[in-house]
Amino acid sequence: MTTFTEETRERAREIIARYPADRSRSALLPLLHLVQSEEGYVSPAGVEFCAEVLGLNKAQVGAVATFYTMYKRKPTGDYLVSVCTNTMCNVLGGQEVYDTLAEHLGVGHDETTADGRITLEHAECLAACDYGPVMTVNYDFFDNVDPQGALGVVEELRAGGRPMPTRGARLCTLKEMAVQLAGFADERDGAVGDGGPGEPTLRGLRLAEQHGISVPGFDPNTPIRSKAEADKAAAEAKARAEAAKPAPAAEPAKPAAATGSTAPDVKAPDDKSPQVRTAETRQPDARTAVPDAPGTKVPTDGTPPAPRDAQAAESAGAAANPPAGDGKPAGDEAGAQQRNLKEAEAGAGANGAGPAVASETGVQK
């Protein structure tokens, strides 16, 4: 059984501290990435570890770990090679790329090479249709790949190299990527200084520059404020806006209308919520406004029917709707069925159809 390092336990405590005390269960997703960063997959020991630090049972943790495909449930290679075989990439040759790699590596979907270096998988949409066909290595993109280009990438990986992705930072192993997915920075020197955006991604920016479109008052050098600073600035702006509002003018008092009612003054029902008005109308009590209160209308029920009248109505309804019998729906008459059968037999005989034909058409007795 795996015993997780003290560094992993310290990072687990740091992850849990990011969430409110009564919402610690929200830390489960990054914690699963954390245990995957140490073992290369989410093992039963990893499930037990997450359950232990969060106070959950293993079934709750396992349900999440088996739902998301990024959590691997068996040992995975250093490099997870995912080839998109969904509609757009498939049309552009994604399946051919996958088949070529599978044959060359001698593995199928979700299988790892004998040296433990590469795990191959076909993936659903990788959200890069404008770069298709695409494949990713530990979730970093290689765009517009063809079979030979894909073979070059995996051979360089097997030789110990780290080919540069088309977009994104420097390539890392699956365990190193899992640390980042758990919410920790990539500490490799210059790791995030490589790569750059693709041309289709910059197309909107190019069009904005070409047509002189910009956000009014935008300053790219404006520093990004922290949440505390932003909340403080928002509170100050709200206070200034409230102070700038003119004081509301006092409305003159309106004389009370003479209604001639002897009832005590009560608020009109319109001052209440519709739910309260409905409840009070259906079941009035001592707090309900009296009928002659201003603006109040309380319905009065008529004389309830006598019990014998209700019984007579029920008997009349039952007599008009006899219950079904012999498993047949109510309203079916045997005479009508016999008549229909005879008419069907007569028609079959006139057309020269024999017993076999009549049986097939369902009209023979």
Protein backbone atom coordinates (compact mmCIF):
# COMPACT_ATOMS: atom_id res chain seq x y z
CA MET A 1 0.00 0.00 0.00
CA THR A 2 1.32 3.45 -0.94
CA THR A 3 2.43 5.74 1.86
CA PHE A 4 2.21 9.30 0.65
CA THR A 5 5.11 11.60 1.35
CA GLU A 6 5.00 14.39 3.90
CA GLU A 7 5.29 16.89 1.02
CA THR A 8 2.09 15.49 -0.47
CA ARG A 9 0.33 15.69 2.87
CA GLU A 10 1.46 19.28 3.34
CA ARG A 11 0.18 20.16 -0.12
CA ALA A 12 -3.11 18.43 0.68
CA ARG A 13 -3.51 20.65 3.76
CA GLU A 14 -2.74 23.69 1.61
CA ILE A 15 -5.37 22.68 -0.95
CA ILE A 16 -8.04 22.14 1.72
CA ALA A 17 -7.23 25.53 3.27
CA ARG A 18 -8.27 27.24 0.02
CA TYR A 19 -11.92 26.44 0.72
CA PRO A 20 -14.30 27.46 3.54
CA ALA A 21 -14.27 25.13 6.50
CA ASP A 22 -17.77 23.87 5.77
CA ARG A 23 -17.00 23.41 2.07
CA SER A 24 -13.84 21.31 2.29
CA ARG A 25 -15.39 18.66 0.03
CA SER A 26 -14.80 21.08 -2.87
CA ALA A 27 -11.09 20.25 -2.54
CA LEU A 28 -11.64 16.70 -3.83
CA LEU A 29 -10.85 17.38 -7.50
CA PRO A 30 -7.42 18.99 -6.91
CA LEU A 31 -6.66 16.36 -4.28
CA LEU A 32 -7.21 13.60 -6.84
CA HIS A 33 -4.74 15.34 -9.17
CA LEU A 34 -2.34 15.58 -6.23
CA VAL A 35 -2.31 11.84 -5.51
CA GLN A 36 -2.02 11.19 -9.26
CA SER A 37 1.09 13.38 -9.30
CA GLU A 38 2.80 10.99 -6.86
CA GLU A 39 1.65 7.63 -8.22
CA GLY A 40 0.94 8.40 -11.88
CA TYR A 41 -2.67 7.34 -11.42
CA VAL A 42 -5.42 7.32 -8.76
CA SER A 43 -4.87 4.07 -6.92
CA PRO A 44 -7.08 2.56 -4.20
CA ALA A 45 -4.57 4.02 -1.75
CA GLY A 46 -5.06 7.44 -3.33
CA VAL A 47 -8.83 7.13 -2.98
CA GLU A 48 -8.39 6.17 0.68
CA PHE A 49 -6.02 9.11 1.26
CA CYS A 50 -8.51 11.63 -0.18
CA ALA A 51 -11.33 10.12 1.87
CA GLU A 52 -9.22 10.31 5.02
CA VAL A 53 -8.19 13.98 4.72
CA LEU A 54 -11.71 15.14 3.73
CA GLY A 55 -13.72 12.98 6.11
CA LEU A 56 -15.55 11.19 3.29
CA ASN A 57 -16.04 7.50 2.63
CA LYS A 58 -14.18 5.74 -0.18
CA ALA A 59 -17.35 5.23 -2.23
CA GLN A 60 -17.89 9.00 -2.44
CA VAL A 61 -14.32 9.58 -3.59
CA GLY A 62 -14.39 6.65 -6.03
CA ALA A 63 -17.59 7.94 -7.64
CA VAL A 64 -15.79 11.17 -8.58
CA ALA A 65 -12.53 9.51 -9.62
CA THR A 66 -14.33 7.17 -12.03
CA PHE A 67 -16.46 9.95 -13.56
CA TYR A 68 -13.69 12.17 -15.02
CA THR A 69 -11.40 10.75 -17.68
CA MET A 70 -8.41 12.82 -16.55
CA TYR A 71 -8.16 10.64 -13.45
CA LYS A 72 -6.47 7.42 -14.52
CA ARG A 73 -7.39 4.27 -12.62
CA LYS A 74 -4.39 2.20 -13.68
CA PRO A 75 -0.67 2.99 -14.07
CA THR A 76 -0.11 5.43 -16.93
CA GLY A 77 3.02 6.26 -18.90
CA ASP A 78 5.16 9.35 -18.50
CA TYR A 79 3.49 10.83 -21.57
CA LEU A 80 -0.22 10.55 -22.30
CA VAL A 81 -0.68 10.90 -26.07
CA SER A 82 -4.29 11.76 -26.94
CA VAL A 83 -5.43 11.88 -30.56
CA CYS A 84 -8.73 13.59 -31.33
CA THR A 85 -10.98 11.31 -33.39
CA ASN A 86 -14.14 13.39 -33.13
CA THR A 87 -16.01 14.67 -36.19
CA MET A 88 -13.89 17.61 -37.38
CA CYS A 89 -10.47 16.08 -36.68
CA ASN A 90 -11.65 12.73 -38.03
CA VAL A 91 -12.66 14.30 -41.33
CA LEU A 92 -9.24 15.94 -41.51
CA GLY A 93 -7.37 12.67 -40.83
CA GLY A 94 -7.41 12.19 -37.06
CA GLN A 95 -8.31 8.51 -37.25
CA GLU A 96 -5.43 7.87 -39.64
CA VAL A 97 -3.05 9.54 -37.16
CA TYR A 98 -4.36 7.36 -34.33
CA ASP A 99 -4.19 4.14 -36.35
CA THR A 100 -0.62 4.89 -37.40
CA LEU A 101 0.50 5.47 -33.82
CA ALA A 102 -1.33 2.39 -32.54
CA GLU A 103 0.36 0.18 -35.11
CA HIS A 104 3.79 1.74 -34.57
CA LEU A 105 3.65 1.57 -30.75
CA GLY A 106 1.93 -1.80 -30.62
CA VAL A 107 -0.74 -0.60 -28.20
CA GLY A 108 -4.44 0.22 -28.35
CA HIS A 109 -6.68 2.71 -26.61
CA ASP A 110 -5.69 3.38 -22.98
CA GLU A 111 -2.71 1.03 -23.20
CA THR A 112 0.91 1.75 -22.29
CA THR A 113 4.08 0.78 -24.12
CA ALA A 114 6.31 -1.88 -22.55
CA ASP A 115 8.93 0.71 -21.54
CA GLY A 116 6.30 2.67 -19.59
CA ARG A 117 6.95 5.83 -21.54
CA ILE A 118 3.78 6.37 -23.58
CA THR A 119 0.09 5.73 -23.03
CA LEU A 120 -2.05 6.12 -26.14
CA GLU A 121 -5.70 7.10 -26.18
CA HIS A 122 -8.22 8.31 -28.70
CA ALA A 123 -10.02 11.35 -27.37
CA GLU A 124 -13.29 13.09 -27.97
CA CYS A 125 -13.24 16.76 -28.94
CA LEU A 126 -10.10 18.50 -27.68
CA ALA A 127 -11.62 21.96 -28.32
CA ALA A 128 -9.21 22.90 -31.10
CA CYS A 129 -11.26 22.31 -34.25
CA ASP A 130 -9.59 25.22 -36.08
CA TYR A 131 -6.23 23.45 -35.68
CA GLY A 132 -7.37 19.95 -36.63
CA PRO A 133 -6.30 17.30 -36.69
CA VAL A 134 -4.78 17.73 -33.25
CA MET A 135 -3.19 15.56 -30.63
CA THR A 136 -2.04 16.42 -27.14
CA VAL A 137 0.83 15.16 -25.02
CA ASN A 138 -0.08 15.52 -21.35
CA TYR A 139 -2.74 18.03 -22.49
CA ASP A 140 -0.33 20.27 -24.43
CA PHE A 141 -1.28 20.75 -28.10
CA PHE A 142 0.36 19.59 -31.29
CA ASP A 143 -1.68 21.16 -34.09
CA ASN A 144 -2.31 20.17 -37.71
CA VAL A 145 -0.56 16.83 -37.23
CA ASP A 146 -0.25 14.16 -39.87
CA PRO A 147 0.79 10.52 -39.37
CA GLN A 148 4.49 11.14 -39.99
CA GLY A 149 4.60 14.21 -37.77
CA ALA A 150 2.89 12.30 -34.96
CA LEU A 151 5.42 9.47 -35.30
CA GLY A 152 8.24 11.99 -35.01
CA VAL A 153 6.83 13.33 -31.75
CA VAL A 154 6.44 9.92 -30.08
CA GLU A 155 9.88 8.77 -31.21
CA GLU A 156 11.45 11.86 -29.69
CA LEU A 157 9.57 11.17 -26.46
CA ARG A 158 10.78 7.57 -26.38
CA ALA A 159 14.34 8.76 -26.93
CA GLY A 160 14.14 10.96 -23.83
CA GLY A 161 13.50 14.26 -25.58
CA ARG A 162 10.73 16.76 -24.98
CA PRO A 163 9.45 18.17 -28.28
CA MET A 164 8.07 21.67 -28.16
CA PRO A 165 4.25 21.86 -28.37
CA THR A 166 2.71 24.03 -31.05
CA ARG A 167 1.09 26.16 -28.36
CA GLY A 168 1.60 26.39 -24.64
CA ALA A 169 4.45 25.99 -22.19
CA ARG A 170 7.33 23.53 -22.22
CA LEU A 171 6.35 19.86 -22.23
CA CYS A 172 6.34 18.04 -18.89
CA THR A 173 5.60 14.53 -17.64
CA LEU A 174 2.13 13.45 -16.60
CA LYS A 175 3.09 13.59 -12.91
CA GLU A 176 4.46 17.12 -13.32
CA MET A 177 1.29 18.14 -15.12
CA ALA A 178 -0.84 16.66 -12.31
CA VAL A 179 0.94 18.94 -9.81
CA GLN A 180 -0.09 21.94 -11.89
CA LEU A 181 -3.67 20.69 -12.20
CA ALA A 182 -3.73 20.42 -8.41
CA GLY A 183 -3.11 24.17 -8.32
CA PHE A 184 0.66 24.52 -7.89
CA ALA A 185 2.97 26.49 -10.16
CA ASP A 186 5.44 24.85 -12.51
CA GLU A 187 8.74 25.46 -10.75
CA ARG A 188 11.00 24.46 -13.64
CA ASP A 189 13.30 27.29 -14.73
CA GLY A 190 11.76 29.06 -17.72
CA ALA A 191 9.02 26.47 -18.05
CA VAL A 192 6.32 29.00 -18.90
CA GLY A 193 8.51 31.17 -21.08
CA ASP A 194 8.20 29.02 -24.18
CA GLY A 195 5.49 28.60 -26.74
CA GLY A 196 2.97 31.10 -27.99
CA PRO A 197 -0.56 31.42 -29.36
CA GLY A 198 -1.59 29.99 -32.70
CA GLU A 199 -2.54 32.14 -35.66
CA PRO A 200 -6.26 31.15 -35.66
CA THR A 201 -6.41 32.23 -32.01
CA LEU A 202 -4.98 35.64 -32.92
CA ARG A 203 -7.34 36.12 -35.88
CA GLY A 204 -9.79 38.24 -33.86
CA LEU A 205 -6.97 40.47 -32.61
CA ARG A 206 -5.66 40.90 -36.15
CA LEU A 207 -9.10 41.96 -37.41
CA ALA A 208 -9.48 44.42 -34.50
CA GLU A 209 -6.15 46.00 -35.35
CA GLN A 210 -7.00 46.11 -39.06
CA HIS A 211 -10.32 47.90 -38.49
CA GLY A 212 -9.24 50.06 -35.56
CA ILE A 213 -11.51 48.37 -33.02
CA SER A 214 -10.57 48.75 -29.36
CA VAL A 215 -12.15 48.89 -25.93
CA PRO A 216 -12.75 52.52 -24.87
CA GLY A 217 -10.33 53.59 -22.18
CA PHE A 218 -8.40 50.32 -22.20
CA ASP A 219 -4.89 50.55 -20.81
CA PRO A 220 -2.87 47.32 -21.21
CA ASN A 221 -0.45 48.53 -18.54
CA THR A 222 -3.14 48.72 -15.85
CA PRO A 223 -2.13 46.33 -13.06
CA ILE A 224 -4.57 43.59 -12.12
CA ARG A 225 -5.86 44.25 -8.63
CA SER A 226 -6.26 41.60 -5.99
CA LYS A 227 -9.76 40.57 -4.91
CA ALA A 228 -9.44 42.54 -1.67
CA GLU A 229 -8.43 45.69 -3.56
CA ALA A 230 -11.23 45.24 -6.08
CA ASP A 231 -13.82 44.73 -3.30
CA LYS A 232 -12.57 47.84 -1.49
CA ALA A 233 -12.74 49.95 -4.64
CA ALA A 234 -16.26 48.69 -5.38
CA ALA A 235 -17.40 49.53 -1.84
CA GLU A 236 -15.93 53.05 -2.08
CA ALA A 237 -17.60 53.62 -5.47
CA LYS A 238 -20.94 52.47 -4.05
CA ALA A 239 -20.59 54.78 -1.06
CA ARG A 240 -19.83 57.75 -3.35
CA ALA A 241 -22.85 56.94 -5.51
CA GLU A 242 -25.11 56.75 -2.45
CA ALA A 243 -23.78 60.08 -1.13
CA ALA A 244 -24.39 61.75 -4.50
CA LYS A 245 -28.07 60.79 -4.56
CA PRO A 246 -30.43 63.68 -3.68
CA ALA A 247 -32.47 63.23 -0.53
CA PRO A 248 -36.03 62.13 -1.35
CA ALA A 249 -38.66 64.85 -0.88
CA ALA A 250 -41.12 64.23 1.92
CA GLU A 251 -44.60 63.43 0.62
CA PRO A 252 -47.48 65.41 2.12
CA ALA A 253 -49.70 63.44 4.42
CA LYS A 254 -52.94 62.32 2.82
CA PRO A 255 -56.15 62.64 4.80
CA ALA A 256 -57.76 59.40 5.71
CA ALA A 257 -60.77 58.56 3.57
CA ALA A 258 -64.07 58.33 5.36
CA THR A 259 -65.41 54.85 4.80
CA GLY A 260 -68.06 54.72 7.47
CA SER A 261 -66.59 51.40 8.60
CA THR A 262 -66.49 50.48 12.24
CA ALA A 263 -63.65 47.98 11.60
CA PRO A 264 -60.16 48.70 12.91
CA ASP A 265 -57.65 50.10 10.47
CA VAL A 266 -55.77 47.35 8.66
CA LYS A 267 -53.49 47.27 5.65
CA ALA A 268 -55.10 46.50 2.34
CA PRO A 269 -54.41 42.99 1.00
CA ASP A 270 -52.31 44.47 -1.83
CA ASP A 271 -49.62 45.17 0.74
CA LYS A 272 -49.25 41.45 1.29
CA SER A 273 -47.63 38.83 -0.88
CA PRO A 274 -49.94 36.85 -3.20
CA GLN A 275 -49.18 33.69 -1.25
CA VAL A 276 -50.29 35.26 2.06
CA ARG A 277 -53.46 36.67 0.52
CA THR A 278 -54.36 33.30 -0.97
CA ALA A 279 -53.74 31.46 2.28
CA GLU A 280 -55.78 33.92 4.34
CA THR A 281 -58.66 33.85 1.87
CA ARG A 282 -58.83 30.06 1.89
CA GLN A 283 -58.49 29.70 5.66
CA PRO A 284 -59.38 32.94 7.45
CA ASP A 285 -58.46 33.34 11.10
CA ALA A 286 -58.36 36.06 13.70
CA ARG A 287 -55.63 37.93 11.83
CA THR A 288 -57.60 38.10 8.58
CA ALA A 289 -59.12 41.47 7.72
CA VAL A 290 -62.84 41.72 8.39
CA PRO A 291 -65.12 41.87 5.33
CA ASP A 292 -65.78 45.61 5.51
CA ALA A 293 -62.15 46.67 6.01
CA PRO A 294 -60.91 49.15 3.37
CA GLY A 295 -59.82 47.38 0.20
CA THR A 296 -60.71 43.94 1.50
CA LYS A 297 -62.95 41.41 -0.19
CA VAL A 298 -63.48 38.13 1.59
CA PRO A 299 -65.52 35.59 -0.41
CA THR A 300 -68.35 33.87 1.37
CA ASP A 301 -69.23 30.27 0.61
CA GLY A 302 -72.80 29.33 -0.32
CA THR A 303 -74.89 26.72 1.40
CA PRO A 304 -73.08 23.37 1.26
CA PRO A 305 -74.96 20.57 -0.52
CA ALA A 306 -76.79 18.06 1.63
CA PRO A 307 -75.12 14.63 1.96
CA ARG A 308 -77.97 12.92 0.17
CA ASP A 309 -77.53 15.17 -2.88
CA ALA A 310 -73.88 14.20 -3.13
CA GLN A 311 -74.77 10.52 -2.84
CA ALA A 312 -77.36 10.82 -5.59
CA ALA A 313 -74.86 12.52 -7.91
CA GLU A 314 -72.28 9.83 -7.24
CA SER A 315 -74.79 7.04 -7.96
CA ALA A 316 -75.87 8.67 -11.21
CA GLY A 317 -72.27 8.96 -12.37
CA ALA A 318 -71.51 5.34 -11.54
CA ALA A 319 -74.63 4.15 -13.39
CA ALA A 320 -73.66 6.06 -16.52
CA ASN A 321 -70.16 4.47 -16.55
CA PRO A 322 -70.42 0.73 -16.04
CA PRO A 323 -67.12 -0.97 -15.10
CA ALA A 324 -65.26 -2.96 -17.73
CA GLY A 325 -65.40 -6.74 -17.58
CA ASP A 326 -63.62 -9.74 -19.09
CA GLY A 327 -60.47 -7.65 -19.57
CA LYS A 328 -62.14 -5.48 -22.25
CA PRO A 329 -62.25 -1.67 -22.20
CA ALA A 330 -65.50 -0.07 -21.09
CA GLY A 331 -67.84 0.61 -24.00
CA ASP A 332 -66.99 -2.49 -26.07
CA GLU A 333 -70.06 -4.45 -27.14
CA ALA A 334 -69.95 -8.12 -28.10
CA GLY A 335 -72.63 -7.60 -30.76
CA ALA A 336 -70.55 -4.99 -32.59
CA GLN A 337 -67.48 -7.26 -32.51
CA GLN A 338 -69.43 -10.22 -33.95
CA ARG A 339 -70.88 -8.02 -36.67
CA ASN A 340 -67.45 -6.74 -37.67
CA LEU A 341 -66.08 -10.30 -37.82
CA LYS A 342 -68.92 -11.48 -40.05
CA GLU A 343 -68.48 -8.51 -42.41
CA ALA A 344 -64.77 -9.23 -42.63
CA GLU A 345 -65.40 -12.92 -43.41
CA ALA A 346 -67.93 -12.03 -46.07
CA GLY A 347 -65.49 -9.64 -47.71
CA ALA A 348 -62.71 -12.24 -47.68
CA GLY A 349 -64.99 -14.88 -49.23
CA ALA A 350 -66.13 -12.55 -51.98
CA ASN A 351 -62.51 -11.86 -52.90
CA GLY A 352 -61.73 -15.57 -53.12
CA ALA A 353 -59.39 -15.58 -50.16
CA GLY A 354 -59.03 -18.99 -48.54
CA PRO A 355 -58.75 -19.81 -44.85
CA ALA A 356 -55.00 -19.27 -44.85
CA VAL A 357 -55.33 -15.73 -46.19
CA ALA A 358 -58.13 -14.99 -43.77
CA SER A 359 -55.98 -16.19 -40.89
CA GLU A 360 -53.08 -13.98 -41.95
CA THR A 361 -55.28 -10.92 -42.12
CA GLY A 362 -56.62 -11.58 -38.69
CA VAL A 363 -60.30 -11.96 -39.66
CA GLN A 364 -60.81 -15.72 -39.42
CA LYS A 365 -62.96 -16.87 -36.49
